[in-house]
Amino acid sequence: MDHLNCSYPKNWPLARRKAALEQRAKIIQSIRVFFIKDGYLEVETPHRIPAPAPESHINAVPSDNWFLHASPELCMKRMLAAGYEKIFQLCRCWREGERGNLHVPEFTLLEWYRVSVDYLSLMDECEALIQFLAANLGMKEKINYRGHPISLASSWERMTVEEAFQRFTKISAKEALRKDLFDEVMVEDIEPRLGIENPTFLYDYPSERRSLARLKKEDPTVAERFELYLGGLEIANAFSELVDVEEQRKVFELEIETRRSLGKEIYPMPEKFLSELDVMPPSAGIALGVDRLVMVLLNAKTIDEVVAFTPEDL
């Protein structure tokens, strides 16, 4: 009986994740190598903050009258405003109520920011990063995810949001926004078709979905924002950063009003962030979900397979 207990650990779900967690560690170590070799400074910012970015679709987790951050974005942008030029961070983040096959409420995020570039430059960096990680795992130029062989060679697909609506739906992005169907159409009709043969950068989001991105000078109806998809799964979200204080305040105020109309908690305005935004240089930043990227690289069916502990394990 003692021999059986040794051969079959009591916590078998945790034990069977060992191979995946070893690969996950290798991926995270390779991420650090990639950015350090390119002259990025690894930084750490607080996990508890007094005022999160007031985004209507993200609910922060309270922590003793403050909040656990959903992203290190605000603090990292304050570092850009203080003179840091190329920074990256791997950290734990929290979002209330997010749980499913692709979500855990506590997750790992990679964010990096760079001055004097725009969102198009971040597309190139994304491509180089994922190719580097796959090569370090011995995958060369092709990975398999959800039964789809995905080529990581050059010519990653770049598609505007409007083009995606034209290709995959019978409604325009503008009409979907007017009918309050934009998110539904994205989730049901567009996202599952992205990044199937090659990774897809979906870019130029409508201004109504700008988040913290700046608008395009040539076409202010769209924002300089992209999301990266692999095998129908969103991996990253990036912006050419908005550095106009008054414009950013208006965006936050609209998000607060949306939260109020939905009966959600109203967060304090992040005044310290706004007070420093006027000296933040033109720059671009990106958030990449590490758990999801590991899922894709390891061809895992659920996020539970690539994290040590799920909420149900605790």
Foldseek 3Di string as FASTA:
>chain_A
DVVVCVVQPPPNLLVVLVVLQVLLVLLVVLLVVLQVVVPAAEDDDDQWDAFEQLAQVFAFDDDPNTTGYQDCVLVVLLVLLVPHFKYKYWDWGATPPFDDQADFRIAIKIKIKGFPDWLVVVVVVVLVSLQSSLVSVVNHQWFAAPRAIAGSDPDAAEEEPQRQCVVWHPDGCVVCVVVVNNVVCCLPTRLQPAQRHYKYKYFFAALVPQRQAAADPVDRRTGGKIFIHHNSDTFKIKHQGDLDLVVSVVVSVVSQVSNVVVVHDHTDDPVVSSVSSNSRHGMMMMMGGSLVSSCRRVNNRGSSSNDSDGPVRD
